[in-house]
Amino acid sequence: MNPRFERRREHLLKDAEVKPQVYREALKRLPEFIEPYFKSLGRRKQKVHLREYMDGLLSDAKRKNVETIAYLHA
């Protein structure tokens, strides 16, 4: 890999780090944020899947895709 690119990449990754307290605050606001989406869903099963999907996105899974999230919820 080009050394110049590698330095730039490291700089960008360092700037992309998010402190844990930011997540804690976001988690407090999450129910309010998803409420409009939640209300727009008609069936109970859709609402359950929305919660599972959001939990998966906020999990510590390495890859945040539908398959990985489904495995998290068996």
PDB file of N, CA and C in Angstrom:
ATOM      1  N   MET A   1       0.845  -1.178   0.000  1.00  0.00           N
ATOM      2  CA  MET A   1       0.000   0.000   0.000  1.00  0.00           C
ATOM      3  C   MET A   1       0.891   1.243   0.000  1.00  0.00           C
ATOM      4  N   ASN A   2       0.459   2.250  -0.669  1.00  0.00           N
ATOM      5  CA  ASN A   2       1.179   3.507  -0.766  1.00  0.00           C
ATOM      6  C   ASN A   2       1.308   4.137   0.633  1.00  0.00           C
ATOM      7  N   PRO A   3       2.543   4.492   1.065  1.00  0.00           N
ATOM      8  CA  PRO A   3       2.720   5.068   2.410  1.00  0.00           C
ATOM      9  C   PRO A   3       1.906   6.346   2.631  1.00  0.00           C
ATOM     10  N   ARG A   4       1.798   7.157   1.606  1.00  0.00           N
ATOM     11  CA  ARG A   4       1.012   8.393   1.733  1.00  0.00           C
ATOM     12  C   ARG A   4      -0.461   8.073   1.995  1.00  0.00           C
ATOM     13  N   PHE A   5      -0.967   7.111   1.230  1.00  0.00           N
ATOM     14  CA  PHE A   5      -2.350   6.687   1.428  1.00  0.00           C
ATOM     15  C   PHE A   5      -2.543   6.101   2.822  1.00  0.00           C
ATOM     16  N   GLU A   6      -1.602   5.290   3.261  1.00  0.00           N
ATOM     17  CA  GLU A   6      -1.700   4.662   4.578  1.00  0.00           C
ATOM     18  C   GLU A   6      -1.743   5.705   5.692  1.00  0.00           C
ATOM     19  N   ARG A   7      -0.912   6.734   5.603  1.00  0.00           N
ATOM     20  CA  ARG A   7      -0.934   7.810   6.616  1.00  0.00           C
ATOM     21  C   ARG A   7      -2.287   8.523   6.619  1.00  0.00           C
ATOM     22  N   ARG A   8      -2.786   8.798   5.427  1.00  0.00           N
ATOM     23  CA  ARG A   8      -4.081   9.478   5.309  1.00  0.00           C
ATOM     24  C   ARG A   8      -5.199   8.601   5.875  1.00  0.00           C
ATOM     25  N   ARG A   9      -5.134   7.325   5.564  1.00  0.00           N
ATOM     26  CA  ARG A   9      -6.140   6.372   6.055  1.00  0.00           C
ATOM     27  C   ARG A   9      -6.139   6.333   7.586  1.00  0.00           C
ATOM     28  N   GLU A  10      -4.959   6.240   8.183  1.00  0.00           N
ATOM     29  CA  GLU A  10      -4.849   6.212   9.643  1.00  0.00           C
ATOM     30  C   GLU A  10      -5.411   7.499  10.250  1.00  0.00           C
ATOM     31  N   HIS A  11      -5.125   8.613   9.639  1.00  0.00           N
ATOM     32  CA  HIS A  11      -5.642   9.900  10.121  1.00  0.00           C
ATOM     33  C   HIS A  11      -7.175   9.918  10.066  1.00  0.00           C
ATOM     34  N   LEU A  12      -7.729   9.450   8.964  1.00  0.00           N
ATOM     35  CA  LEU A  12      -9.186   9.426   8.821  1.00  0.00           C
ATOM     36  C   LEU A  12      -9.828   8.471   9.822  1.00  0.00           C
ATOM     37  N   LEU A  13      -9.228   7.313  10.024  1.00  0.00           N
ATOM     38  CA  LEU A  13      -9.779   6.351  10.987  1.00  0.00           C
ATOM     39  C   LEU A  13      -9.746   6.899  12.406  1.00  0.00           C
ATOM     40  N   LYS A  14      -8.671   7.606  12.740  1.00  0.00           N
ATOM     41  CA  LYS A  14      -8.578   8.199  14.081  1.00  0.00           C
ATOM     42  C   LYS A  14      -9.680   9.235  14.284  1.00  0.00           C
ATOM     43  N   ASP A  15      -9.943  10.028  13.261  1.00  0.00           N
ATOM     44  CA  ASP A  15     -11.007  11.035  13.350  1.00  0.00           C
ATOM     45  C   ASP A  15     -12.397  10.407  13.379  1.00  0.00           C
ATOM     46  N   ALA A  16     -12.518   9.174  12.909  1.00  0.00           N
ATOM     47  CA  ALA A  16     -13.819   8.519  12.832  1.00  0.00           C
ATOM     48  C   ALA A  16     -14.210   7.824  14.136  1.00  0.00           C
ATOM     49  N   GLU A  17     -13.308   7.767  15.098  1.00  0.00           N
ATOM     50  CA  GLU A  17     -13.612   7.106  16.363  1.00  0.00           C
ATOM     51  C   GLU A  17     -14.677   7.888  17.127  1.00  0.00           C
ATOM     52  N   VAL A  18     -15.632   7.141  17.693  1.00  0.00           N
ATOM     53  CA  VAL A  18     -16.709   7.762  18.464  1.00  0.00           C
ATOM     54  C   VAL A  18     -16.569   7.315  19.913  1.00  0.00           C
ATOM     55  N   LYS A  19     -16.601   8.265  20.809  1.00  0.00           N
ATOM     56  CA  LYS A  19     -16.447   7.955  22.230  1.00  0.00           C
ATOM     57  C   LYS A  19     -17.702   7.252  22.760  1.00  0.00           C
ATOM     58  N   PRO A  20     -17.531   6.324  23.712  1.00  0.00           N
ATOM     59  CA  PRO A  20     -18.677   5.563  24.244  1.00  0.00           C
ATOM     60  C   PRO A  20     -19.808   6.423  24.789  1.00  0.00           C
ATOM     61  N   GLN A  21     -19.500   7.564  25.392  1.00  0.00           N
ATOM     62  CA  GLN A  21     -20.566   8.404  25.960  1.00  0.00           C
ATOM     63  C   GLN A  21     -21.515   8.918  24.885  1.00  0.00           C
ATOM     64  N   VAL A  22     -21.030   9.060  23.664  1.00  0.00           N
ATOM     65  CA  VAL A  22     -21.894   9.494  22.571  1.00  0.00           C
ATOM     66  C   VAL A  22     -22.961   8.431  22.310  1.00  0.00           C
ATOM     67  N   TYR A  23     -22.558   7.166  22.360  1.00  0.00           N
ATOM     68  CA  TYR A  23     -23.513   6.079  22.146  1.00  0.00           C
ATOM     69  C   TYR A  23     -24.539   6.018  23.265  1.00  0.00           C
ATOM     70  N   ARG A  24     -24.083   6.237  24.493  1.00  0.00           N
ATOM     71  CA  ARG A  24     -25.027   6.188  25.615  1.00  0.00           C
ATOM     72  C   ARG A  24     -26.126   7.225  25.446  1.00  0.00           C
ATOM     73  N   GLU A  25     -25.750   8.415  25.046  1.00  0.00           N
ATOM     74  CA  GLU A  25     -26.744   9.469  24.825  1.00  0.00           C
ATOM     75  C   GLU A  25     -27.673   9.107  23.664  1.00  0.00           C
ATOM     76  N   ALA A  26     -27.122   8.526  22.623  1.00  0.00           N
ATOM     77  CA  ALA A  26     -27.930   8.134  21.465  1.00  0.00           C
ATOM     78  C   ALA A  26     -28.930   7.042  21.860  1.00  0.00           C
ATOM     79  N   LEU A  27     -28.511   6.109  22.689  1.00  0.00           N
ATOM     80  CA  LEU A  27     -29.411   5.038  23.115  1.00  0.00           C
ATOM     81  C   LEU A  27     -30.603   5.581  23.896  1.00  0.00           C
ATOM     82  N   LYS A  28     -30.385   6.636  24.668  1.00  0.00           N
ATOM     83  CA  LYS A  28     -31.484   7.242  25.426  1.00  0.00           C
ATOM     84  C   LYS A  28     -32.530   7.834  24.476  1.00  0.00           C
ATOM     85  N   ARG A  29     -32.062   8.366  23.338  1.00  0.00           N
ATOM     86  CA  ARG A  29     -32.966   9.018  22.389  1.00  0.00           C
ATOM     87  C   ARG A  29     -33.538   8.064  21.340  1.00  0.00           C
ATOM     88  N   LEU A  30     -33.044   6.845  21.293  1.00  0.00           N
ATOM     89  CA  LEU A  30     -33.456   5.901  20.251  1.00  0.00           C
ATOM     90  C   LEU A  30     -34.960   5.632  20.221  1.00  0.00           C
ATOM     91  N   PRO A  31     -35.607   5.339  21.345  1.00  0.00           N
ATOM     92  CA  PRO A  31     -37.054   5.080  21.276  1.00  0.00           C
ATOM     93  C   PRO A  31     -37.842   6.242  20.661  1.00  0.00           C
ATOM     94  N   GLU A  32     -37.469   7.446  21.009  1.00  0.00           N
ATOM     95  CA  GLU A  32     -38.144   8.623  20.449  1.00  0.00           C
ATOM     96  C   GLU A  32     -37.876   8.736  18.938  1.00  0.00           C
ATOM     97  N   PHE A  33     -36.658   8.403  18.533  1.00  0.00           N
ATOM     98  CA  PHE A  33     -36.285   8.492  17.126  1.00  0.00           C
ATOM     99  C   PHE A  33     -37.053   7.499  16.258  1.00  0.00           C
ATOM    100  N   ILE A  34     -37.206   6.261  16.745  1.00  0.00           N
ATOM    101  CA  ILE A  34     -37.855   5.241  15.906  1.00  0.00           C
ATOM    102  C   ILE A  34     -39.373   5.237  16.028  1.00  0.00           C
ATOM    103  N   GLU A  35     -39.930   6.019  16.932  1.00  0.00           N
ATOM    104  CA  GLU A  35     -41.381   6.028  17.142  1.00  0.00           C
ATOM    105  C   GLU A  35     -42.177   6.260  15.850  1.00  0.00           C
ATOM    106  N   PRO A  36     -41.857   7.250  15.025  1.00  0.00           N
ATOM    107  CA  PRO A  36     -42.643   7.451  13.792  1.00  0.00           C
ATOM    108  C   PRO A  36     -42.589   6.232  12.858  1.00  0.00           C
ATOM    109  N   TYR A  37     -41.425   5.592  12.792  1.00  0.00           N
ATOM    110  CA  TYR A  37     -41.286   4.400  11.952  1.00  0.00           C
ATOM    111  C   TYR A  37     -42.090   3.247  12.543  1.00  0.00           C
ATOM    112  N   PHE A  38     -42.007   3.135  13.852  1.00  0.00           N
ATOM    113  CA  PHE A  38     -42.709   2.081  14.565  1.00  0.00           C
ATOM    114  C   PHE A  38     -44.223   2.200  14.351  1.00  0.00           C
ATOM    115  N   LYS A  39     -44.733   3.430  14.440  1.00  0.00           N
ATOM    116  CA  LYS A  39     -46.174   3.657  14.266  1.00  0.00           C
ATOM    117  C   LYS A  39     -46.637   3.367  12.846  1.00  0.00           C
ATOM    118  N   SER A  40     -45.742   3.543  11.877  1.00  0.00           N
ATOM    119  CA  SER A  40     -46.130   3.325  10.482  1.00  0.00           C
ATOM    120  C   SER A  40     -46.243   1.845  10.131  1.00  0.00           C
ATOM    121  N   LEU A  41     -45.726   0.981  10.971  1.00  0.00           N
ATOM    122  CA  LEU A  41     -45.798  -0.453  10.714  1.00  0.00           C
ATOM    123  C   LEU A  41     -47.119  -0.994  11.241  1.00  0.00           C
ATOM    124  N   GLY A  42     -47.778  -1.783  10.433  1.00  0.00           N
ATOM    125  CA  GLY A  42     -49.095  -2.263  10.809  1.00  0.00           C
ATOM    126  C   GLY A  42     -49.088  -3.535  11.628  1.00  0.00           C
ATOM    127  N   ARG A  43     -48.283  -4.487  11.219  1.00  0.00           N
ATOM    128  CA  ARG A  43     -48.320  -5.795  11.869  1.00  0.00           C
ATOM    129  C   ARG A  43     -47.347  -5.873  13.039  1.00  0.00           C
ATOM    130  N   ARG A  44     -47.748  -6.639  14.043  1.00  0.00           N
ATOM    131  CA  ARG A  44     -46.927  -6.801  15.246  1.00  0.00           C
ATOM    132  C   ARG A  44     -45.555  -7.373  14.906  1.00  0.00           C
ATOM    133  N   LYS A  45     -45.510  -8.328  13.979  1.00  0.00           N
ATOM    134  CA  LYS A  45     -44.253  -8.969  13.617  1.00  0.00           C
ATOM    135  C   LYS A  45     -43.274  -7.962  13.005  1.00  0.00           C
ATOM    136  N   GLN A  46     -43.790  -7.003  12.237  1.00  0.00           N
ATOM    137  CA  GLN A  46     -42.932  -5.965  11.665  1.00  0.00           C
ATOM    138  C   GLN A  46     -42.305  -5.114  12.768  1.00  0.00           C
ATOM    139  N   LYS A  47     -43.089  -4.824  13.784  1.00  0.00           N
ATOM    140  CA  LYS A  47     -42.594  -4.015  14.896  1.00  0.00           C
ATOM    141  C   LYS A  47     -41.503  -4.757  15.666  1.00  0.00           C
ATOM    142  N   VAL A  48     -41.699  -6.065  15.841  1.00  0.00           N
ATOM    143  CA  VAL A  48     -40.691  -6.880  16.515  1.00  0.00           C
ATOM    144  C   VAL A  48     -39.390  -6.863  15.707  1.00  0.00           C
ATOM    145  N   HIS A  49     -39.515  -7.027  14.400  1.00  0.00           N
ATOM    146  CA  HIS A  49     -38.328  -7.039  13.543  1.00  0.00           C
ATOM    147  C   HIS A  49     -37.615  -5.689  13.537  1.00  0.00           C
ATOM    148  N   LEU A  50     -38.368  -4.606  13.624  1.00  0.00           N
ATOM    149  CA  LEU A  50     -37.741  -3.289  13.684  1.00  0.00           C
ATOM    150  C   LEU A  50     -36.876  -3.182  14.931  1.00  0.00           C
ATOM    151  N   ARG A  51     -37.397  -3.622  16.047  1.00  0.00           N
ATOM    152  CA  ARG A  51     -36.619  -3.578  17.297  1.00  0.00           C
ATOM    153  C   ARG A  51     -35.385  -4.468  17.199  1.00  0.00           C
ATOM    154  N   GLU A  52     -35.554  -5.665  16.638  1.00  0.00           N
ATOM    155  CA  GLU A  52     -34.422  -6.586  16.493  1.00  0.00           C
ATOM    156  C   GLU A  52     -33.364  -5.992  15.569  1.00  0.00           C
ATOM    157  N   TYR A  53     -33.806  -5.366  14.495  1.00  0.00           N
ATOM    158  CA  TYR A  53     -32.876  -4.766  13.540  1.00  0.00           C
ATOM    159  C   TYR A  53     -32.092  -3.633  14.197  1.00  0.00           C
ATOM    160  N   MET A  54     -32.773  -2.781  14.936  1.00  0.00           N
ATOM    161  CA  MET A  54     -32.100  -1.678  15.618  1.00  0.00           C
ATOM    162  C   MET A  54     -31.118  -2.218  16.665  1.00  0.00           C
ATOM    163  N   ASP A  55     -31.532  -3.245  17.403  1.00  0.00           N
ATOM    164  CA  ASP A  55     -30.623  -3.872  18.371  1.00  0.00           C
ATOM    165  C   ASP A  55     -29.378  -4.398  17.668  1.00  0.00           C
ATOM    166  N   GLY A  56     -29.570  -5.001  16.504  1.00  0.00           N
ATOM    167  CA  GLY A  56     -28.443  -5.540  15.749  1.00  0.00           C
ATOM    168  C   GLY A  56     -27.499  -4.455  15.271  1.00  0.00           C
ATOM    169  N   LEU A  57     -28.062  -3.343  14.806  1.00  0.00           N
ATOM    170  CA  LEU A  57     -27.213  -2.236  14.353  1.00  0.00           C
ATOM    171  C   LEU A  57     -26.400  -1.651  15.498  1.00  0.00           C
ATOM    172  N   LEU A  58     -26.950  -1.716  16.698  1.00  0.00           N
ATOM    173  CA  LEU A  58     -26.262  -1.161  17.864  1.00  0.00           C
ATOM    174  C   LEU A  58     -25.421  -2.202  18.606  1.00  0.00           C
ATOM    175  N   SER A  59     -25.401  -3.424  18.117  1.00  0.00           N
ATOM    176  CA  SER A  59     -24.638  -4.491  18.768  1.00  0.00           C
ATOM    177  C   SER A  59     -23.149  -4.333  18.482  1.00  0.00           C
ATOM    178  N   ASP A  60     -22.363  -5.210  19.083  1.00  0.00           N
ATOM    179  CA  ASP A  60     -20.922  -5.178  18.839  1.00  0.00           C
ATOM    180  C   ASP A  60     -20.504  -6.158  17.747  1.00  0.00           C
ATOM    181  N   ALA A  61     -21.449  -6.606  16.946  1.00  0.00           N
ATOM    182  CA  ALA A  61     -21.140  -7.509  15.837  1.00  0.00           C
ATOM    183  C   ALA A  61     -20.193  -6.823  14.863  1.00  0.00           C
ATOM    184  N   LYS A  62     -19.268  -7.598  14.308  1.00  0.00           N
ATOM    185  CA  LYS A  62     -18.296  -7.020  13.374  1.00  0.00           C
ATOM    186  C   LYS A  62     -18.974  -6.539  12.102  1.00  0.00           C
ATOM    187  N   ARG A  63     -19.866  -7.345  11.569  1.00  0.00           N
ATOM    188  CA  ARG A  63     -20.550  -6.987  10.328  1.00  0.00           C
ATOM    189  C   ARG A  63     -22.018  -6.749  10.632  1.00  0.00           C
ATOM    190  N   LYS A  64     -22.506  -5.606  10.257  1.00  0.00           N
ATOM    191  CA  LYS A  64     -23.890  -5.226  10.557  1.00  0.00           C
ATOM    192  C   LYS A  64     -24.752  -5.419   9.315  1.00  0.00           C
ATOM    193  N   ASN A  65     -24.985  -6.671   8.964  1.00  0.00           N
ATOM    194  CA  ASN A  65     -25.859  -6.947   7.834  1.00  0.00           C
ATOM    195  C   ASN A  65     -27.046  -7.766   8.323  1.00  0.00           C
ATOM    196  N   VAL A  66     -28.007  -7.964   7.456  1.00  0.00           N
ATOM    197  CA  VAL A  66     -29.242  -8.642   7.858  1.00  0.00           C
ATOM    198  C   VAL A  66     -28.964 -10.060   8.356  1.00  0.00           C
ATOM    199  N   GLU A  67     -28.067 -10.762   7.692  1.00  0.00           N
ATOM    200  CA  GLU A  67     -27.771 -12.139   8.088  1.00  0.00           C
ATOM    201  C   GLU A  67     -27.166 -12.197   9.490  1.00  0.00           C
ATOM    202  N   THR A  68     -26.199 -11.344   9.768  1.00  0.00           N
ATOM    203  CA  THR A  68     -25.569 -11.333  11.084  1.00  0.00           C
ATOM    204  C   THR A  68     -26.576 -10.950  12.162  1.00  0.00           C
ATOM    205  N   ILE A  69     -27.403  -9.968  11.879  1.00  0.00           N
ATOM    206  CA  ILE A  69     -28.408  -9.534  12.849  1.00  0.00           C
ATOM    207  C   ILE A  69     -29.409 -10.651  13.094  1.00  0.00           C
ATOM    208  N   ALA A  70     -29.794 -11.385  12.065  1.00  0.00           N
ATOM    209  CA  ALA A  70     -30.718 -12.509  12.241  1.00  0.00           C
ATOM    210  C   ALA A  70     -30.101 -13.576  13.143  1.00  0.00           C
ATOM    211  N   TYR A  71     -28.811 -13.851  12.972  1.00  0.00           N
ATOM    212  CA  TYR A  71     -28.149 -14.842  13.833  1.00  0.00           C
ATOM    213  C   TYR A  71     -28.103 -14.381  15.273  1.00  0.00           C
ATOM    214  N   LEU A  72     -27.978 -13.075  15.502  1.00  0.00           N
ATOM    215  CA  LEU A  72     -27.971 -12.566  16.873  1.00  0.00           C
ATOM    216  C   LEU A  72     -29.278 -12.869  17.591  1.00  0.00           C
ATOM    217  N   HIS A  73     -30.358 -12.897  16.831  1.00  0.00           N
ATOM    218  CA  HIS A  73     -31.693 -13.117  17.416  1.00  0.00           C
ATOM    219  C   HIS A  73     -32.215 -14.521  17.155  1.00  0.00           C
ATOM    220  N   ALA A  74     -31.314 -15.408  16.816  1.00  0.00           N
ATOM    221  CA  ALA A  74     -31.630 -16.826  16.564  1.00  0.00           C
ATOM    222  C   ALA A  74     -32.723 -16.946  15.518  1.00  0.00           C
TER     223      ALA A  74
END
